Protein backbone atom coordinates (compact mmCIF):
# COMPACT_ATOMS: atom_id res chain seq x y z
CA MET A 1 -15.27 158.51 5.33
CA GLU A 2 -16.69 161.88 4.91
CA ALA A 3 -20.24 162.42 3.98
CA GLY A 4 -20.72 162.54 0.18
CA GLY A 5 -17.25 161.25 -0.50
CA HIS A 6 -15.48 157.85 -0.71
CA SER A 7 -12.07 156.42 -0.15
CA VAL A 8 -9.75 155.72 -2.95
CA ARG A 9 -6.57 153.68 -2.37
CA VAL A 10 -3.47 155.27 -4.06
CA ASN A 11 0.30 155.02 -4.27
CA VAL A 12 1.96 158.45 -3.98
CA HIS A 13 5.46 158.86 -5.21
CA ALA A 14 7.95 161.70 -4.26
CA ARG A 15 11.74 162.00 -4.53
CA ASP A 16 12.74 160.36 -1.31
CA PHE A 17 9.71 158.08 -0.63
CA TRP A 18 6.62 156.34 -1.85
CA CYS A 19 3.52 155.50 0.27
CA GLU A 20 0.37 153.61 -0.18
CA GLY A 21 -2.94 154.90 1.55
CA TYR A 22 -6.25 156.17 1.19
CA VAL A 23 -7.57 159.77 0.01
CA ILE A 24 -11.05 160.97 0.24
CA VAL A 25 -12.51 161.89 -3.15
CA PRO A 26 -15.34 164.35 -2.74
CA ARG A 27 -17.92 163.13 -5.11
CA PRO A 28 -18.05 159.59 -6.37
CA GLY A 29 -18.52 159.46 -10.11
CA GLY A 30 -18.84 162.45 -12.22
CA TYR A 31 -17.38 165.91 -11.61
CA LYS A 32 -15.05 165.98 -8.53
CA GLY A 33 -15.05 162.13 -8.33
CA ARG A 34 -11.57 161.41 -9.50
CA VAL A 35 -8.24 161.47 -7.85
CA LEU A 36 -6.99 164.04 -10.31
CA ASP A 37 -9.77 166.46 -9.30
CA LEU A 38 -8.44 166.19 -5.61
CA LEU A 39 -4.88 167.02 -6.76
CA ASN A 40 -6.11 170.00 -8.74
CA GLU A 41 -7.86 171.64 -5.91
CA ASN A 42 -6.28 174.96 -4.61
CA THR A 43 -4.62 173.27 -1.59
CA ARG A 44 -1.12 172.79 -0.53
CA PHE A 45 -1.57 169.37 1.06
CA VAL A 46 -3.12 166.03 0.51
CA ALA A 47 -4.25 163.96 3.38
CA LEU A 48 -3.76 160.15 3.28
CA THR A 49 -5.07 157.78 5.88
CA GLU A 50 -4.09 154.22 6.63
CA VAL A 51 -0.47 154.88 5.14
CA LEU A 52 2.37 152.57 4.58
CA LEU A 53 5.52 154.83 4.05
CA HIS A 54 8.54 153.46 2.07
CA ARG A 55 11.86 155.46 2.10
CA THR A 56 13.79 155.44 -1.33
CA GLY A 57 16.73 157.61 -0.28
CA ALA A 58 19.31 156.85 2.40
CA GLY A 59 16.93 154.87 4.58
CA ALA A 60 15.69 152.57 1.71
CA LEU A 61 16.57 149.38 3.47
CA GLU A 62 14.44 150.24 6.50
CA ASP A 63 11.04 148.46 6.91
CA PRO A 64 8.02 150.62 6.11
CA VAL A 65 6.45 152.69 8.72
CA ALA A 66 2.62 152.81 9.30
CA TYR A 67 0.80 155.99 10.01
CA ASP A 68 -2.90 156.67 10.57
CA VAL A 69 -2.68 159.99 8.71
CA LEU A 70 0.00 161.48 6.52
CA LEU A 71 -0.16 165.07 4.98
CA VAL A 72 1.84 165.21 1.84
CA ARG A 73 2.74 168.57 0.25
CA ILE A 74 1.30 168.80 -3.32
CA ASP A 75 4.58 170.26 -4.84
CA ALA A 76 6.54 167.20 -3.37
CA ILE A 77 4.50 164.71 -5.37
CA GLU A 78 6.00 163.39 -8.60
CA PHE A 79 3.19 161.05 -9.44
CA VAL A 80 -0.02 159.26 -8.06
CA VAL A 81 -1.27 155.93 -9.09
CA PRO A 82 -4.99 155.19 -8.08
CA LEU A 83 -5.24 151.53 -7.21
CA ASP A 84 -8.99 151.26 -6.93
């Protein structure tokens, strides 16, 4: 966890996969304290940690794959569901 931030568990859905992991939200509560604020920042990628990746395309029957860190391109994201 970064100083001044906190982890939020999320589901991130894209065309060929969905994953569950944690994102760091800069300021808990108030301004810049929501997942939406993180997604609206001027950045090309979102970093997720402790990720479980599920494929929905051709490899959909495979078991999910675990990653310590996964960078997801913002324009590949269809929707995000905060779980905390």
